[in-house]
Amino acid sequence: MASLGADAGAAGADGPEGLIDDDLAFTRPWGFALGEVSASVLLVQGERDRVIPPAHARMLKAALPHATLDLRADDGHVSVLRHLGAALSR
């Protein structure tokens, strides 16, 4: 978690432009339909996430033909990262 914090701090050191760019990207079309994604997709989501609602992960799961959703009841936006290693090793 320390390296994540250091990366986040460095990313914002020169101003908010990167965050603004990310937010604007969320409002634009992605250039493809989710139903066209043929790769397997693993979604790991914390049920207590206050940044990205768990409903968003459920929507992605429903729209992606080869998606697996791993919902973590006791995790939030960052604490869910501790489960990624185990999820990816499956």
C-alpha atoms as a PDB file:
ATOM      1  CA  MET A   1       0.000   0.000   0.000  1.00  0.00           C
ATOM      2  CA  ALA A   2       2.939   2.338   0.621  1.00  0.00           C
ATOM      3  CA  SER A   3       4.018   2.184  -3.018  1.00  0.00           C
ATOM      4  CA  LEU A   4       0.440   2.885  -4.155  1.00  0.00           C
ATOM      5  CA  GLY A   5       0.354   5.955  -1.929  1.00  0.00           C
ATOM      6  CA  ALA A   6       3.709   7.138  -3.251  1.00  0.00           C
ATOM      7  CA  ASP A   7       2.540   6.681  -6.847  1.00  0.00           C
ATOM      8  CA  ALA A   8      -0.703   8.553  -6.193  1.00  0.00           C
ATOM      9  CA  GLY A   9       1.190  11.382  -4.529  1.00  0.00           C
ATOM     10  CA  ALA A  10       3.659  11.656  -7.394  1.00  0.00           C
ATOM     11  CA  ALA A  11       0.868  11.554  -9.968  1.00  0.00           C
ATOM     12  CA  GLY A  12      -0.795  14.600  -8.443  1.00  0.00           C
ATOM     13  CA  ALA A  13       2.347  16.536  -7.607  1.00  0.00           C
ATOM     14  CA  ASP A  14       2.149  18.724 -10.711  1.00  0.00           C
ATOM     15  CA  GLY A  15      -1.539  19.514 -10.411  1.00  0.00           C
ATOM     16  CA  PRO A  16      -4.964  18.009 -11.001  1.00  0.00           C
ATOM     17  CA  GLU A  17      -4.745  17.698 -14.804  1.00  0.00           C
ATOM     18  CA  GLY A  18      -4.316  13.901 -14.724  1.00  0.00           C
ATOM     19  CA  LEU A  19      -7.344  13.401 -12.504  1.00  0.00           C
ATOM     20  CA  ILE A  20      -9.401  15.736 -14.664  1.00  0.00           C
ATOM     21  CA  ASP A  21      -8.304  13.847 -17.783  1.00  0.00           C
ATOM     22  CA  ASP A  22      -9.398  10.554 -16.174  1.00  0.00           C
ATOM     23  CA  ASP A  23     -12.779  11.960 -15.203  1.00  0.00           C
ATOM     24  CA  LEU A  24     -13.384  13.276 -18.713  1.00  0.00           C
ATOM     25  CA  ALA A  25     -12.446   9.879 -20.194  1.00  0.00           C
ATOM     26  CA  PHE A  26     -15.200   8.274 -18.098  1.00  0.00           C
ATOM     27  CA  THR A  27     -17.807  10.400 -19.887  1.00  0.00           C
ATOM     28  CA  ARG A  28     -16.785   9.518 -23.448  1.00  0.00           C
ATOM     29  CA  PRO A  29     -17.479   6.421 -25.530  1.00  0.00           C
ATOM     30  CA  TRP A  30     -14.756   3.774 -25.246  1.00  0.00           C
ATOM     31  CA  GLY A  31     -14.722   3.041 -28.964  1.00  0.00           C
ATOM     32  CA  PHE A  32     -16.038  -0.518 -28.652  1.00  0.00           C
ATOM     33  CA  ALA A  33     -19.065  -2.327 -27.281  1.00  0.00           C
ATOM     34  CA  LEU A  34     -18.523  -4.345 -24.113  1.00  0.00           C
ATOM     35  CA  GLY A  35     -20.341  -7.271 -25.725  1.00  0.00           C
ATOM     36  CA  GLU A  36     -17.579  -7.412 -28.355  1.00  0.00           C
ATOM     37  CA  VAL A  37     -14.829  -8.142 -25.817  1.00  0.00           C
ATOM     38  CA  SER A  38     -13.719 -11.725 -26.433  1.00  0.00           C
ATOM     39  CA  ALA A  39     -11.000 -11.887 -23.769  1.00  0.00           C
ATOM     40  CA  SER A  40     -11.627 -13.219 -20.278  1.00  0.00           C
ATOM     41  CA  VAL A  41     -12.075 -10.375 -17.812  1.00  0.00           C
ATOM     42  CA  LEU A  42     -11.639 -10.545 -14.043  1.00  0.00           C
ATOM     43  CA  LEU A  43     -13.477  -7.876 -12.053  1.00  0.00           C
ATOM     44  CA  VAL A  44     -12.490  -7.568  -8.387  1.00  0.00           C
ATOM     45  CA  GLN A  45     -14.718  -5.162  -6.484  1.00  0.00           C
ATOM     46  CA  GLY A  46     -15.127  -4.178  -2.863  1.00  0.00           C
ATOM     47  CA  GLU A  47     -18.746  -4.020  -1.691  1.00  0.00           C
ATOM     48  CA  ARG A  48     -17.787  -1.074   0.562  1.00  0.00           C
ATOM     49  CA  ASP A  49     -16.191   0.927  -2.259  1.00  0.00           C
ATOM     50  CA  ARG A  50     -17.238   4.570  -1.894  1.00  0.00           C
ATOM     51  CA  VAL A  51     -15.410   5.693  -5.064  1.00  0.00           C
ATOM     52  CA  ILE A  52     -16.782   3.252  -7.658  1.00  0.00           C
ATOM     53  CA  PRO A  53     -20.182   1.792  -6.773  1.00  0.00           C
ATOM     54  CA  PRO A  54     -20.361  -2.022  -6.743  1.00  0.00           C
ATOM     55  CA  ALA A  55     -23.338  -1.676  -9.114  1.00  0.00           C
ATOM     56  CA  HIS A  56     -20.819  -0.592 -11.764  1.00  0.00           C
ATOM     57  CA  ALA A  57     -18.960  -3.902 -11.453  1.00  0.00           C
ATOM     58  CA  ARG A  58     -22.254  -5.777 -11.698  1.00  0.00           C
ATOM     59  CA  MET A  59     -23.130  -3.834 -14.858  1.00  0.00           C
ATOM     60  CA  LEU A  60     -19.743  -4.668 -16.386  1.00  0.00           C
ATOM     61  CA  LYS A  61     -20.172  -8.343 -15.479  1.00  0.00           C
ATOM     62  CA  ALA A  62     -23.553  -8.416 -17.203  1.00  0.00           C
ATOM     63  CA  ALA A  63     -22.230  -6.658 -20.318  1.00  0.00           C
ATOM     64  CA  LEU A  64     -18.942  -8.560 -20.779  1.00  0.00           C
ATOM     65  CA  PRO A  65     -19.472 -12.029 -22.259  1.00  0.00           C
ATOM     66  CA  HIS A  66     -16.488 -13.669 -20.530  1.00  0.00           C
ATOM     67  CA  ALA A  67     -16.334 -11.819 -17.224  1.00  0.00           C
ATOM     68  CA  THR A  68     -15.912 -13.182 -13.726  1.00  0.00           C
ATOM     69  CA  LEU A  69     -16.886 -10.958 -10.804  1.00  0.00           C
ATOM     70  CA  ASP A  70     -15.165 -11.404  -7.457  1.00  0.00           C
ATOM     71  CA  LEU A  71     -17.095  -9.262  -4.954  1.00  0.00           C
ATOM     72  CA  ARG A  72     -15.346  -8.735  -1.621  1.00  0.00           C
ATOM     73  CA  ALA A  73     -17.919  -7.943   1.066  1.00  0.00           C
ATOM     74  CA  ASP A  74     -15.580  -6.316   3.586  1.00  0.00           C
ATOM     75  CA  ASP A  75     -13.392  -4.294   1.232  1.00  0.00           C
ATOM     76  CA  GLY A  76     -13.439  -0.827  -0.213  1.00  0.00           C
ATOM     77  CA  HIS A  77     -11.727   0.945  -3.081  1.00  0.00           C
ATOM     78  CA  VAL A  78      -8.116   0.323  -2.047  1.00  0.00           C
ATOM     79  CA  SER A  79      -8.321  -2.533   0.457  1.00  0.00           C
ATOM     80  CA  VAL A  80      -9.646  -4.810  -2.304  1.00  0.00           C
ATOM     81  CA  LEU A  81      -6.149  -4.726  -3.838  1.00  0.00           C
ATOM     82  CA  ARG A  82      -4.909  -7.193  -1.234  1.00  0.00           C
ATOM     83  CA  HIS A  83      -6.986  -9.892  -2.974  1.00  0.00           C
ATOM     84  CA  LEU A  84      -5.662  -9.369  -6.483  1.00  0.00           C
ATOM     85  CA  GLY A  85      -2.788 -11.846  -6.196  1.00  0.00           C
ATOM     86  CA  ALA A  86      -5.085 -14.660  -5.124  1.00  0.00           C
ATOM     87  CA  ALA A  87      -7.707 -13.729  -7.732  1.00  0.00           C
ATOM     88  CA  LEU A  88      -5.139 -13.692 -10.544  1.00  0.00           C
ATOM     89  CA  SER A  89      -3.612 -17.004  -9.504  1.00  0.00           C
ATOM     90  CA  ARG A  90      -6.908 -18.857 -10.029  1.00  0.00           C
END
